Each structure stands twice: as structure tokens, then as C-alpha cells.
N, C-alpha and C. Protein backbone atom coordinates (compact mmCIF):
# COMPACT_ATOMS: atom_id res chain seq x y z
N MET A 1 0.83 -1.20 0.00
CA MET A 1 0.00 0.00 0.00
C MET A 1 0.87 1.25 0.00
N LYS A 2 0.46 2.25 -0.77
CA LYS A 2 1.21 3.50 -0.79
C LYS A 2 0.94 4.31 0.47
N LYS A 3 1.89 5.10 0.88
CA LYS A 3 1.73 5.97 2.04
C LYS A 3 1.15 7.31 1.59
N ILE A 4 0.16 7.80 2.31
CA ILE A 4 -0.51 9.04 1.94
C ILE A 4 -0.37 10.07 3.06
N THR A 5 -0.81 11.28 2.77
CA THR A 5 -0.89 12.33 3.77
C THR A 5 -2.34 12.54 4.14
N ILE A 6 -2.62 12.53 5.44
CA ILE A 6 -3.98 12.74 5.94
C ILE A 6 -4.02 14.07 6.68
N ALA A 7 -4.84 15.00 6.20
CA ALA A 7 -4.97 16.32 6.80
C ALA A 7 -6.29 16.40 7.55
N ILE A 8 -6.22 16.75 8.83
CA ILE A 8 -7.43 16.87 9.65
C ILE A 8 -7.52 18.30 10.16
N ASP A 9 -8.54 19.01 9.70
CA ASP A 9 -8.78 20.39 10.12
C ASP A 9 -10.06 20.48 10.94
N GLY A 10 -10.21 21.61 11.61
CA GLY A 10 -11.44 21.82 12.37
C GLY A 10 -11.23 22.84 13.46
N PRO A 11 -12.31 23.26 14.10
CA PRO A 11 -12.23 24.29 15.14
C PRO A 11 -11.63 23.76 16.44
N ALA A 12 -11.42 24.65 17.38
CA ALA A 12 -10.84 24.31 18.67
C ALA A 12 -11.68 23.27 19.40
N ALA A 13 -11.00 22.34 20.07
CA ALA A 13 -11.63 21.33 20.92
C ALA A 13 -12.58 20.39 20.18
N ALA A 14 -12.36 20.23 18.88
CA ALA A 14 -13.17 19.29 18.10
C ALA A 14 -12.64 17.87 18.21
N GLY A 15 -11.54 17.71 18.93
CA GLY A 15 -10.96 16.38 19.11
C GLY A 15 -9.98 15.97 18.03
N LYS A 16 -9.50 16.95 17.27
CA LYS A 16 -8.60 16.65 16.15
C LYS A 16 -7.33 15.92 16.59
N SER A 17 -6.68 16.46 17.60
CA SER A 17 -5.40 15.89 18.03
C SER A 17 -5.57 14.47 18.55
N THR A 18 -6.58 14.25 19.36
CA THR A 18 -6.83 12.92 19.90
C THR A 18 -7.06 11.92 18.78
N VAL A 19 -7.91 12.29 17.84
CA VAL A 19 -8.23 11.41 16.72
C VAL A 19 -7.00 11.21 15.83
N ALA A 20 -6.29 12.30 15.53
CA ALA A 20 -5.12 12.21 14.64
C ALA A 20 -4.06 11.28 15.22
N LYS A 21 -3.82 11.36 16.53
CA LYS A 21 -2.83 10.49 17.17
C LYS A 21 -3.22 9.02 17.01
N LEU A 22 -4.50 8.72 17.22
CA LEU A 22 -4.96 7.34 17.14
C LEU A 22 -4.95 6.82 15.71
N VAL A 23 -5.31 7.68 14.76
CA VAL A 23 -5.25 7.29 13.35
C VAL A 23 -3.81 6.98 12.96
N ALA A 24 -2.90 7.85 13.39
CA ALA A 24 -1.48 7.64 13.09
C ALA A 24 -0.99 6.33 13.70
N TYR A 25 -1.42 6.06 14.91
CA TYR A 25 -1.00 4.83 15.59
C TYR A 25 -1.50 3.59 14.83
N GLN A 26 -2.77 3.62 14.44
CA GLN A 26 -3.35 2.46 13.75
C GLN A 26 -2.69 2.21 12.40
N LEU A 27 -2.30 3.29 11.73
CA LEU A 27 -1.71 3.15 10.40
C LEU A 27 -0.19 3.08 10.44
N ASP A 28 0.38 3.22 11.64
CA ASP A 28 1.84 3.28 11.80
C ASP A 28 2.42 4.45 11.01
N TYR A 29 1.73 5.61 11.12
CA TYR A 29 2.14 6.84 10.46
C TYR A 29 2.75 7.79 11.49
N ASN A 30 3.43 8.81 11.01
CA ASN A 30 3.92 9.88 11.88
C ASN A 30 2.80 10.89 12.11
N TYR A 31 2.76 11.46 13.30
CA TYR A 31 1.76 12.46 13.64
C TYR A 31 2.42 13.81 13.85
N ILE A 32 1.89 14.84 13.19
CA ILE A 32 2.41 16.20 13.34
C ILE A 32 1.30 17.08 13.92
N ASP A 33 1.53 17.59 15.10
CA ASP A 33 0.56 18.44 15.80
C ASP A 33 0.93 19.91 15.56
N THR A 34 0.33 20.51 14.54
CA THR A 34 0.68 21.90 14.22
C THR A 34 0.26 22.86 15.32
N GLY A 35 -0.84 22.54 15.99
CA GLY A 35 -1.28 23.39 17.09
C GLY A 35 -0.24 23.48 18.18
N ALA A 36 0.44 22.35 18.43
CA ALA A 36 1.49 22.34 19.46
C ALA A 36 2.64 23.25 19.07
N MET A 37 2.89 23.38 17.76
CA MET A 37 3.98 24.25 17.31
C MET A 37 3.65 25.72 17.62
N TYR A 38 2.41 26.13 17.39
CA TYR A 38 2.01 27.49 17.72
C TYR A 38 1.97 27.69 19.23
N ARG A 39 1.57 26.65 19.95
CA ARG A 39 1.57 26.73 21.41
C ARG A 39 2.99 26.90 21.94
N ALA A 40 3.93 26.21 21.30
CA ALA A 40 5.32 26.30 21.72
C ALA A 40 5.82 27.74 21.60
N LEU A 41 5.54 28.37 20.47
CA LEU A 41 5.97 29.76 20.28
C LEU A 41 5.26 30.68 21.26
N THR A 42 3.98 30.43 21.49
CA THR A 42 3.21 31.25 22.44
C THR A 42 3.81 31.15 23.84
N LEU A 43 4.13 29.94 24.25
CA LEU A 43 4.73 29.75 25.58
C LEU A 43 6.05 30.49 25.71
N LYS A 44 6.89 30.37 24.70
CA LYS A 44 8.19 31.04 24.77
C LYS A 44 8.01 32.56 24.78
N ALA A 45 7.05 33.06 24.01
CA ALA A 45 6.80 34.50 23.99
C ALA A 45 6.36 34.99 25.37
N LEU A 46 5.43 34.26 25.98
CA LEU A 46 4.94 34.65 27.30
C LEU A 46 6.05 34.59 28.34
N ASN A 47 6.88 33.55 28.26
CA ASN A 47 7.98 33.40 29.22
C ASN A 47 9.03 34.49 29.07
N ASN A 48 9.08 35.09 27.86
CA ASN A 48 10.07 36.13 27.60
C ASN A 48 9.44 37.52 27.58
N ASN A 49 8.20 37.61 28.08
CA ASN A 49 7.49 38.90 28.17
C ASN A 49 7.37 39.61 26.83
N ILE A 50 7.15 38.83 25.78
CA ILE A 50 6.95 39.39 24.45
C ILE A 50 5.45 39.54 24.20
N ASP A 51 5.05 40.69 23.75
CA ASP A 51 3.64 40.99 23.47
C ASP A 51 3.15 40.07 22.35
N VAL A 52 2.07 39.31 22.60
CA VAL A 52 1.57 38.37 21.59
C VAL A 52 0.94 39.10 20.40
N ASN A 53 0.75 40.41 20.51
CA ASN A 53 0.24 41.20 19.40
C ASN A 53 1.35 41.78 18.53
N ASP A 54 2.61 41.60 18.96
CA ASP A 54 3.76 42.16 18.25
C ASP A 54 4.27 41.16 17.22
N GLU A 55 3.79 41.29 16.00
CA GLU A 55 4.10 40.33 14.94
C GLU A 55 5.59 40.21 14.65
N ASP A 56 6.28 41.33 14.56
CA ASP A 56 7.70 41.31 14.22
C ASP A 56 8.52 40.62 15.31
N SER A 57 8.21 40.92 16.56
CA SER A 57 8.95 40.30 17.66
C SER A 57 8.71 38.80 17.70
N LEU A 58 7.49 38.38 17.44
CA LEU A 58 7.18 36.95 17.42
C LEU A 58 7.89 36.25 16.27
N SER A 59 7.92 36.90 15.13
CA SER A 59 8.60 36.33 13.97
C SER A 59 10.09 36.17 14.24
N ASN A 60 10.70 37.19 14.85
CA ASN A 60 12.12 37.12 15.20
C ASN A 60 12.38 36.04 16.24
N LEU A 61 11.46 35.92 17.19
CA LEU A 61 11.59 34.90 18.23
C LEU A 61 11.58 33.50 17.61
N LEU A 62 10.69 33.29 16.64
CA LEU A 62 10.60 32.00 15.97
C LEU A 62 11.90 31.65 15.25
N ASP A 63 12.54 32.68 14.68
CA ASP A 63 13.82 32.46 13.99
C ASP A 63 14.89 31.91 14.93
N ASN A 64 14.72 32.20 16.21
CA ASN A 64 15.71 31.78 17.20
C ASN A 64 15.15 30.72 18.15
N THR A 65 14.21 29.93 17.64
CA THR A 65 13.56 28.89 18.44
C THR A 65 13.63 27.56 17.70
N THR A 66 13.97 26.52 18.43
CA THR A 66 13.96 25.17 17.87
C THR A 66 12.76 24.42 18.42
N ILE A 67 11.92 23.91 17.52
CA ILE A 67 10.73 23.15 17.91
C ILE A 67 10.87 21.76 17.31
N GLU A 68 10.85 20.75 18.18
CA GLU A 68 11.04 19.38 17.71
C GLU A 68 10.02 18.44 18.34
N PHE A 69 9.60 17.45 17.57
CA PHE A 69 8.72 16.40 18.08
C PHE A 69 9.57 15.17 18.42
N HIS A 70 9.40 14.66 19.63
CA HIS A 70 10.06 13.43 20.04
C HIS A 70 8.96 12.41 20.33
N GLY A 71 8.58 11.65 19.31
CA GLY A 71 7.41 10.80 19.47
C GLY A 71 6.15 11.59 19.20
N ASN A 72 4.99 10.96 19.34
CA ASN A 72 3.73 11.60 18.97
C ASN A 72 3.15 12.52 20.03
N ASN A 73 3.67 12.48 21.26
CA ASN A 73 3.05 13.27 22.32
C ASN A 73 4.02 14.20 23.03
N VAL A 74 5.25 14.27 22.54
CA VAL A 74 6.28 15.04 23.24
C VAL A 74 6.84 16.12 22.32
N ILE A 75 6.86 17.36 22.82
CA ILE A 75 7.41 18.46 22.03
C ILE A 75 8.49 19.17 22.84
N PHE A 76 9.62 19.38 22.19
CA PHE A 76 10.75 20.06 22.81
C PHE A 76 10.88 21.47 22.25
N ILE A 77 11.11 22.44 23.13
CA ILE A 77 11.40 23.81 22.74
C ILE A 77 12.84 24.09 23.17
N ASP A 78 13.69 24.36 22.20
CA ASP A 78 15.10 24.62 22.49
C ASP A 78 15.70 23.51 23.36
N ASP A 79 15.42 22.28 22.95
CA ASP A 79 15.99 21.07 23.57
C ASP A 79 15.45 20.78 24.97
N VAL A 80 14.34 21.39 25.35
CA VAL A 80 13.73 21.13 26.66
C VAL A 80 12.29 20.67 26.46
N ASP A 81 11.89 19.61 27.14
CA ASP A 81 10.55 19.07 27.04
C ASP A 81 9.54 20.05 27.66
N LYS A 82 8.65 20.58 26.82
CA LYS A 82 7.64 21.52 27.29
C LYS A 82 6.22 21.01 26.97
N SER A 83 6.08 19.70 26.90
CA SER A 83 4.81 19.10 26.50
C SER A 83 3.65 19.50 27.40
N LYS A 84 3.89 19.59 28.70
CA LYS A 84 2.82 19.95 29.64
C LYS A 84 2.56 21.45 29.66
N GLU A 85 3.65 22.22 29.66
CA GLU A 85 3.50 23.68 29.77
C GLU A 85 2.72 24.28 28.61
N ILE A 86 2.85 23.73 27.41
CA ILE A 86 2.16 24.32 26.27
C ILE A 86 0.65 24.13 26.34
N ARG A 87 0.18 23.27 27.26
CA ARG A 87 -1.26 23.02 27.40
C ARG A 87 -1.90 23.85 28.51
N SER A 88 -1.15 24.76 29.10
CA SER A 88 -1.69 25.59 30.19
C SER A 88 -2.77 26.52 29.68
N SER A 89 -3.61 26.99 30.58
CA SER A 89 -4.72 27.85 30.20
C SER A 89 -4.23 29.19 29.63
N ILE A 90 -3.13 29.72 30.15
CA ILE A 90 -2.65 31.01 29.64
C ILE A 90 -2.17 30.87 28.20
N VAL A 91 -1.58 29.74 27.85
CA VAL A 91 -1.18 29.51 26.47
C VAL A 91 -2.42 29.35 25.59
N THR A 92 -3.39 28.58 26.08
CA THR A 92 -4.64 28.38 25.34
C THR A 92 -5.32 29.70 25.04
N ASN A 93 -5.30 30.61 25.99
CA ASN A 93 -5.98 31.90 25.82
C ASN A 93 -5.25 32.86 24.89
N ASN A 94 -3.99 32.56 24.56
CA ASN A 94 -3.21 33.48 23.72
C ASN A 94 -2.78 32.90 22.38
N VAL A 95 -2.90 31.59 22.20
CA VAL A 95 -2.36 30.97 20.99
C VAL A 95 -3.05 31.44 19.71
N SER A 96 -4.34 31.72 19.76
CA SER A 96 -5.04 32.17 18.56
C SER A 96 -4.55 33.55 18.12
N ILE A 97 -4.14 34.37 19.07
CA ILE A 97 -3.59 35.69 18.74
C ILE A 97 -2.24 35.53 18.05
N VAL A 98 -1.40 34.66 18.61
CA VAL A 98 -0.08 34.41 18.01
C VAL A 98 -0.21 33.84 16.61
N SER A 99 -1.14 32.89 16.45
CA SER A 99 -1.25 32.18 15.18
C SER A 99 -1.92 32.98 14.07
N LYS A 100 -2.48 34.13 14.40
CA LYS A 100 -3.15 34.92 13.36
C LYS A 100 -2.14 35.76 12.55
N HIS A 101 -0.92 35.92 13.06
CA HIS A 101 0.06 36.78 12.40
C HIS A 101 0.62 36.12 11.14
N LYS A 102 0.57 36.82 10.04
CA LYS A 102 0.99 36.26 8.75
C LYS A 102 2.46 35.85 8.75
N LYS A 103 3.34 36.69 9.28
CA LYS A 103 4.76 36.36 9.27
C LYS A 103 5.04 35.08 10.06
N VAL A 104 4.33 34.91 11.16
CA VAL A 104 4.49 33.71 11.98
C VAL A 104 3.99 32.48 11.23
N ARG A 105 2.81 32.61 10.61
CA ARG A 105 2.22 31.47 9.91
C ARG A 105 3.08 31.05 8.72
N LEU A 106 3.62 32.01 7.99
CA LEU A 106 4.45 31.67 6.84
C LEU A 106 5.67 30.85 7.26
N LYS A 107 6.29 31.25 8.35
CA LYS A 107 7.47 30.52 8.82
C LYS A 107 7.09 29.15 9.38
N MET A 108 5.96 29.08 10.07
CA MET A 108 5.50 27.80 10.60
C MET A 108 5.17 26.83 9.46
N VAL A 109 4.55 27.36 8.42
CA VAL A 109 4.19 26.51 7.28
C VAL A 109 5.43 25.91 6.64
N GLU A 110 6.50 26.69 6.56
CA GLU A 110 7.76 26.16 6.02
C GLU A 110 8.24 24.96 6.85
N LEU A 111 8.18 25.10 8.16
CA LEU A 111 8.60 24.02 9.05
C LEU A 111 7.71 22.80 8.89
N GLN A 112 6.40 23.04 8.78
CA GLN A 112 5.44 21.94 8.66
C GLN A 112 5.61 21.20 7.34
N ARG A 113 5.86 21.93 6.27
CA ARG A 113 6.03 21.29 4.97
C ARG A 113 7.31 20.46 4.92
N GLN A 114 8.32 20.88 5.65
CA GLN A 114 9.54 20.08 5.74
C GLN A 114 9.26 18.74 6.40
N LEU A 115 8.41 18.75 7.43
CA LEU A 115 8.06 17.51 8.13
C LEU A 115 7.21 16.60 7.25
N LEU A 116 6.47 17.18 6.33
CA LEU A 116 5.58 16.39 5.47
C LEU A 116 6.32 15.61 4.40
N THR A 117 7.57 15.94 4.15
CA THR A 117 8.32 15.25 3.10
C THR A 117 8.61 13.80 3.48
N GLN A 118 8.38 13.45 4.74
CA GLN A 118 8.65 12.09 5.20
C GLN A 118 7.70 11.06 4.58
N GLY A 119 6.49 11.49 4.26
CA GLY A 119 5.48 10.55 3.76
C GLY A 119 4.87 9.76 4.90
N GLY A 120 3.65 9.26 4.70
CA GLY A 120 2.97 8.51 5.74
C GLY A 120 2.74 9.36 6.97
N VAL A 121 1.98 10.45 6.81
CA VAL A 121 1.83 11.44 7.87
C VAL A 121 0.36 11.77 8.12
N VAL A 122 0.02 11.93 9.40
CA VAL A 122 -1.27 12.49 9.80
C VAL A 122 -0.96 13.85 10.43
N ILE A 123 -1.55 14.90 9.90
CA ILE A 123 -1.27 16.25 10.38
C ILE A 123 -2.58 16.98 10.62
N ASP A 124 -2.69 17.64 11.77
CA ASP A 124 -3.94 18.33 12.08
C ASP A 124 -3.68 19.80 12.39
N GLY A 125 -4.73 20.61 12.20
CA GLY A 125 -4.60 22.04 12.44
C GLY A 125 -5.85 22.79 12.02
N ARG A 126 -5.66 24.02 11.55
CA ARG A 126 -6.77 24.87 11.12
C ARG A 126 -6.78 25.09 9.60
N ASP A 127 -5.58 25.04 8.99
CA ASP A 127 -5.49 25.38 7.57
C ASP A 127 -4.66 24.37 6.80
N ILE A 128 -4.66 23.12 7.23
CA ILE A 128 -3.81 22.11 6.61
C ILE A 128 -4.29 21.78 5.19
N GLY A 129 -5.56 21.44 5.06
CA GLY A 129 -6.08 21.05 3.76
C GLY A 129 -6.23 22.20 2.79
N THR A 130 -6.35 23.42 3.31
CA THR A 130 -6.54 24.59 2.44
C THR A 130 -5.24 25.29 2.09
N TYR A 131 -4.25 25.23 2.98
CA TYR A 131 -3.03 26.02 2.74
C TYR A 131 -1.74 25.24 2.93
N VAL A 132 -1.57 24.58 4.06
CA VAL A 132 -0.31 23.90 4.35
C VAL A 132 -0.06 22.75 3.39
N CYS A 133 -1.09 21.92 3.19
CA CYS A 133 -0.92 20.74 2.34
C CYS A 133 -2.18 20.49 1.50
N PRO A 134 -2.46 21.38 0.54
CA PRO A 134 -3.67 21.22 -0.28
C PRO A 134 -3.65 19.98 -1.15
N GLU A 135 -2.47 19.35 -1.30
CA GLU A 135 -2.38 18.15 -2.13
C GLU A 135 -2.57 16.86 -1.32
N ALA A 136 -2.92 16.96 -0.05
CA ALA A 136 -3.14 15.78 0.78
C ALA A 136 -4.17 14.85 0.15
N GLU A 137 -3.87 13.56 0.18
CA GLU A 137 -4.77 12.58 -0.45
C GLU A 137 -6.10 12.44 0.28
N LEU A 138 -6.09 12.66 1.60
CA LEU A 138 -7.33 12.61 2.38
C LEU A 138 -7.42 13.84 3.26
N LYS A 139 -8.52 14.58 3.12
CA LYS A 139 -8.75 15.77 3.92
C LYS A 139 -10.03 15.58 4.74
N ILE A 140 -9.91 15.77 6.02
CA ILE A 140 -11.05 15.65 6.93
C ILE A 140 -11.30 17.01 7.58
N PHE A 141 -12.56 17.41 7.63
CA PHE A 141 -12.93 18.63 8.37
C PHE A 141 -13.80 18.18 9.53
N GLN A 142 -13.21 18.18 10.72
CA GLN A 142 -13.84 17.61 11.91
C GLN A 142 -14.54 18.70 12.70
N ILE A 143 -15.84 18.56 12.90
CA ILE A 143 -16.61 19.58 13.60
C ILE A 143 -17.39 18.96 14.77
N ALA A 144 -17.95 19.82 15.60
CA ALA A 144 -18.85 19.43 16.69
C ALA A 144 -19.48 20.71 17.20
N THR A 145 -20.59 20.61 17.91
CA THR A 145 -21.23 21.80 18.44
C THR A 145 -20.33 22.47 19.48
N VAL A 146 -20.53 23.75 19.68
CA VAL A 146 -19.75 24.49 20.68
C VAL A 146 -19.91 23.85 22.06
N GLU A 147 -21.15 23.47 22.38
CA GLU A 147 -21.43 22.91 23.70
C GLU A 147 -20.69 21.59 23.93
N SER A 148 -20.72 20.72 22.93
CA SER A 148 -20.04 19.43 23.10
C SER A 148 -18.53 19.61 23.16
N ARG A 149 -18.01 20.55 22.38
CA ARG A 149 -16.57 20.82 22.43
C ARG A 149 -16.17 21.39 23.78
N ALA A 150 -17.00 22.27 24.31
CA ALA A 150 -16.70 22.89 25.60
C ALA A 150 -16.73 21.86 26.73
N ILE A 151 -17.67 20.95 26.68
CA ILE A 151 -17.74 19.92 27.72
C ILE A 151 -16.49 19.04 27.69
N ARG A 152 -16.05 18.68 26.49
CA ARG A 152 -14.83 17.87 26.37
C ARG A 152 -13.64 18.61 26.95
N ARG A 153 -13.48 19.87 26.57
CA ARG A 153 -12.34 20.66 27.04
C ARG A 153 -12.43 20.87 28.55
N PHE A 154 -13.64 21.13 29.06
CA PHE A 154 -13.85 21.34 30.50
C PHE A 154 -13.45 20.09 31.28
N GLN A 155 -13.84 18.93 30.79
CA GLN A 155 -13.50 17.67 31.46
C GLN A 155 -11.99 17.43 31.44
N GLU A 156 -11.35 17.76 30.32
CA GLU A 156 -9.90 17.62 30.23
C GLU A 156 -9.21 18.51 31.26
N MET A 157 -9.68 19.75 31.37
CA MET A 157 -9.07 20.70 32.29
C MET A 157 -9.30 20.29 33.74
N GLN A 158 -10.48 19.77 34.03
CA GLN A 158 -10.75 19.28 35.39
C GLN A 158 -9.82 18.14 35.76
N ALA A 159 -9.62 17.23 34.80
CA ALA A 159 -8.75 16.07 35.03
C ALA A 159 -7.32 16.51 35.32
N LYS A 160 -6.94 17.66 34.77
CA LYS A 160 -5.58 18.18 34.97
C LYS A 160 -5.49 19.10 36.18
N GLY A 161 -6.63 19.27 36.89
CA GLY A 161 -6.63 20.11 38.07
C GLY A 161 -6.69 21.59 37.78
N ILE A 162 -7.11 21.95 36.55
CA ILE A 162 -7.21 23.36 36.18
C ILE A 162 -8.58 23.89 36.59
N ASN A 163 -8.60 24.91 37.42
CA ASN A 163 -9.84 25.45 37.97
C ASN A 163 -10.47 26.45 36.99
N THR A 164 -11.64 26.09 36.46
CA THR A 164 -12.37 26.96 35.54
C THR A 164 -13.84 26.56 35.56
N SER A 165 -14.67 27.32 34.87
CA SER A 165 -16.10 26.98 34.79
C SER A 165 -16.45 26.60 33.36
N LEU A 166 -17.52 25.85 33.21
CA LEU A 166 -17.96 25.46 31.87
C LEU A 166 -18.32 26.69 31.05
N GLU A 167 -18.95 27.66 31.68
CA GLU A 167 -19.32 28.90 30.98
C GLU A 167 -18.09 29.61 30.43
N GLU A 168 -17.04 29.64 31.23
CA GLU A 168 -15.80 30.29 30.79
C GLU A 168 -15.19 29.55 29.60
N VAL A 169 -15.24 28.22 29.63
CA VAL A 169 -14.69 27.42 28.54
C VAL A 169 -15.50 27.65 27.26
N ILE A 170 -16.83 27.71 27.40
CA ILE A 170 -17.69 27.97 26.24
C ILE A 170 -17.33 29.31 25.61
N ASN A 171 -17.18 30.33 26.44
CA ASN A 171 -16.84 31.66 25.92
C ASN A 171 -15.47 31.67 25.26
N ASP A 172 -14.50 30.95 25.84
CA ASP A 172 -13.16 30.87 25.27
C ASP A 172 -13.19 30.21 23.89
N ILE A 173 -13.97 29.14 23.76
CA ILE A 173 -14.05 28.42 22.49
C ILE A 173 -14.74 29.29 21.43
N LYS A 174 -15.77 29.99 21.81
CA LYS A 174 -16.45 30.89 20.87
C LYS A 174 -15.49 31.97 20.37
N GLU A 175 -14.67 32.49 21.28
CA GLU A 175 -13.72 33.53 20.89
C GLU A 175 -12.63 32.96 19.98
N ARG A 176 -12.16 31.74 20.28
CA ARG A 176 -11.16 31.12 19.42
C ARG A 176 -11.73 30.85 18.04
N ASP A 177 -12.98 30.42 17.98
CA ASP A 177 -13.64 30.20 16.69
C ASP A 177 -13.68 31.50 15.89
N ARG A 178 -14.00 32.58 16.57
CA ARG A 178 -14.10 33.88 15.90
C ARG A 178 -12.73 34.30 15.36
N LEU A 179 -11.72 34.18 16.18
CA LEU A 179 -10.37 34.58 15.77
C LEU A 179 -9.86 33.71 14.63
N ASP A 180 -10.07 32.40 14.75
CA ASP A 180 -9.56 31.47 13.73
C ASP A 180 -10.24 31.65 12.38
N SER A 181 -11.52 31.92 12.40
CA SER A 181 -12.28 31.99 11.14
C SER A 181 -12.24 33.36 10.49
N THR A 182 -11.83 34.39 11.24
CA THR A 182 -11.83 35.75 10.68
C THR A 182 -10.44 36.32 10.46
N ARG A 183 -9.39 35.56 10.82
CA ARG A 183 -8.05 36.10 10.61
C ARG A 183 -7.82 36.31 9.11
N GLU A 184 -7.00 37.30 8.81
CA GLU A 184 -6.82 37.71 7.41
C GLU A 184 -6.09 36.65 6.59
N PHE A 185 -5.09 36.01 7.19
CA PHE A 185 -4.26 35.07 6.43
C PHE A 185 -4.58 33.64 6.82
N ALA A 186 -4.89 32.79 5.82
CA ALA A 186 -5.16 31.36 6.01
C ALA A 186 -6.14 31.09 7.14
N PRO A 187 -7.37 31.62 7.04
CA PRO A 187 -8.36 31.39 8.10
C PRO A 187 -8.85 29.95 8.13
N LEU A 188 -9.51 29.60 9.23
CA LEU A 188 -10.12 28.29 9.35
C LEU A 188 -11.29 28.18 8.38
N ARG A 189 -11.22 27.23 7.47
CA ARG A 189 -12.35 26.95 6.58
C ARG A 189 -12.19 25.55 6.01
N LYS A 190 -13.29 25.01 5.55
CA LYS A 190 -13.30 23.66 5.00
C LYS A 190 -12.79 23.67 3.56
N ALA A 191 -11.84 22.80 3.25
CA ALA A 191 -11.36 22.67 1.87
C ALA A 191 -12.49 22.13 1.00
N HIS A 192 -12.51 22.50 -0.26
CA HIS A 192 -13.62 22.12 -1.14
C HIS A 192 -13.73 20.61 -1.30
N ASP A 193 -12.61 19.90 -1.14
CA ASP A 193 -12.63 18.44 -1.32
C ASP A 193 -12.48 17.69 0.00
N ALA A 194 -12.71 18.38 1.12
CA ALA A 194 -12.61 17.73 2.42
C ALA A 194 -13.91 17.00 2.75
N ILE A 195 -13.79 15.95 3.54
CA ILE A 195 -14.94 15.19 4.01
C ILE A 195 -15.27 15.67 5.42
N GLU A 196 -16.48 16.18 5.60
CA GLU A 196 -16.89 16.70 6.91
C GLU A 196 -17.32 15.56 7.82
N VAL A 197 -16.79 15.57 9.04
CA VAL A 197 -17.15 14.56 10.03
C VAL A 197 -17.63 15.28 11.29
N ASP A 198 -18.92 15.15 11.59
CA ASP A 198 -19.51 15.77 12.78
C ASP A 198 -19.39 14.78 13.93
N THR A 199 -18.55 15.11 14.90
CA THR A 199 -18.26 14.18 16.01
C THR A 199 -19.15 14.40 17.23
N THR A 200 -20.14 15.29 17.12
CA THR A 200 -20.97 15.62 18.27
C THR A 200 -21.53 14.39 18.96
N ASN A 201 -22.05 13.46 18.17
CA ASN A 201 -22.67 12.26 18.73
C ASN A 201 -21.89 10.99 18.39
N MET A 202 -20.59 11.14 18.14
CA MET A 202 -19.76 10.00 17.83
C MET A 202 -18.72 9.77 18.92
N SER A 203 -18.38 8.52 19.16
CA SER A 203 -17.29 8.22 20.09
C SER A 203 -15.97 8.42 19.36
N ILE A 204 -14.90 8.52 20.13
CA ILE A 204 -13.57 8.67 19.53
C ILE A 204 -13.28 7.48 18.63
N GLU A 205 -13.64 6.29 19.10
CA GLU A 205 -13.39 5.07 18.32
C GLU A 205 -14.11 5.10 16.98
N GLN A 206 -15.34 5.59 16.97
CA GLN A 206 -16.12 5.66 15.73
C GLN A 206 -15.48 6.63 14.74
N VAL A 207 -15.00 7.76 15.23
CA VAL A 207 -14.36 8.75 14.36
C VAL A 207 -13.08 8.18 13.78
N VAL A 208 -12.27 7.56 14.63
CA VAL A 208 -11.01 6.97 14.17
C VAL A 208 -11.25 5.89 13.13
N ASP A 209 -12.22 5.02 13.40
CA ASP A 209 -12.52 3.93 12.46
C ASP A 209 -12.95 4.47 11.10
N LYS A 210 -13.73 5.54 11.12
CA LYS A 210 -14.22 6.13 9.87
C LYS A 210 -13.05 6.70 9.06
N ILE A 211 -12.16 7.42 9.72
CA ILE A 211 -11.03 8.03 9.02
C ILE A 211 -10.05 6.97 8.52
N VAL A 212 -9.80 5.95 9.32
CA VAL A 212 -8.90 4.87 8.90
C VAL A 212 -9.47 4.16 7.67
N GLU A 213 -10.78 3.93 7.67
CA GLU A 213 -11.42 3.29 6.53
C GLU A 213 -11.27 4.15 5.27
N LEU A 214 -11.49 5.46 5.40
CA LEU A 214 -11.33 6.36 4.27
C LEU A 214 -9.88 6.39 3.78
N ALA A 215 -8.95 6.33 4.72
CA ALA A 215 -7.54 6.35 4.35
C ALA A 215 -7.15 5.11 3.58
N LYS A 216 -7.60 3.97 4.03
CA LYS A 216 -7.23 2.71 3.38
C LYS A 216 -7.77 2.63 1.96
N GLU A 217 -8.91 3.28 1.73
CA GLU A 217 -9.47 3.32 0.37
C GLU A 217 -8.54 4.07 -0.57
N ARG A 218 -7.79 5.03 -0.02
CA ARG A 218 -6.91 5.85 -0.86
C ARG A 218 -5.48 5.32 -0.93
N MET A 219 -5.19 4.28 -0.19
CA MET A 219 -3.85 3.70 -0.20
C MET A 219 -3.65 2.66 -1.29
N ILE A 220 -4.74 2.24 -1.89
CA ILE A 220 -4.65 1.17 -2.90
C ILE A 220 -3.99 1.68 -4.18
């Protein structure tokens, strides 16, 4: 079977990363978490007191930052494991601002396309099928209602001991949706040839099985 590229796009907390990791595992593919790359830059900017609205400073910071994946769940920033820190609430609340900057996105896309040359890749994000990898053999646009996405994210945060309310999570997700879909450069949108998968009433296993089945059809 030939190795293909699987692009999974969708709004915040739609379960893209969870599904993408499992699809990659089942197919023995590499997984690239583009969201983690933007989170990595956001974390470093915050730690260095750099204004997340300052596009030039963020772009320069990225030039002097090394972002590496060590396995499917571990990300290193400048040779230090920051896998947990990039998932903090302060990073979550600022990553959409960082990722809207054109100069930042252009440089990130270069890094992501370099990783895609490996073949046999599952990659998820906001603009993979439309901009980063429009030639992907399988494009998935994964959606769910705001309420169901918020409940998932709220439960994840509770499990990690992060103190917040469901109402706050709902508002955060709505704001991230607004920022992602209205940014000037490479906004969140469904590629014309993407297959929409509504996960609102689906289990993780059902979503993974559906995508794996679609992928295998394209590997022949």
C-alpha cells in the first residue's frame, strides 16, 4: 500500500489531536501536531514577556527557536521538554492571537512542509487542507457543536486540576472560533474536497474507524 498524507482540520476542541494520534497509531504513520507548534511559540513569547500582538517580535523569536517532536506526544522547545507547559490555560488563551500573524504562519508553514516530506503522515490544524498541504490525499474537516466541544475541554481541564467553569470554557471556544475563522491570512475553513465529520454524537473510536477506513481506500 502507498503511504498518503492525511490532513485533519477543524475548530478548537473538536478532538482533532486525539483522533489524529490514534489514526497515526493504527496506520503506523507519523503524527504532526501543528497546534502544538504554535503553542510552543506562544509559551516562549509569554515566558520572555513578548507581546503576543507584536508580529515582528514573534517572527524574530521563531527564527531563534527550535521546535522538535520526540514521538507523537512530546514536544521540545530549544531542547527542553515543554509538552505539559504548552497546554496551560494562559497559552490556550493566547495561541489564537499568536497564530493569526501572517509572518508567523508563513514561517510555521515552512517548518510543517519540511516535516511532510517524510510521507505517511497524519497532520492536524486549522489550515492544513486549504493552505499547508492542499495536495493531501485525504482531507477531513472535523466539527462538533460548541457545547459538546466545551464539555470535552472542560473535562480535560478538570482532570488536569485546572480550575475553571464550563461557561468560561464555552466563551473561550467561541472567541477562538471567531479569531480562527476571521483572521486575514489562512483562516479556518473547509477545503472544497474535504470530508466533513460531525463528532458531536460519535465516540472517539467511531471517528477513528471512519477516518482509517477512508484512508485505506486511498492507499490502494
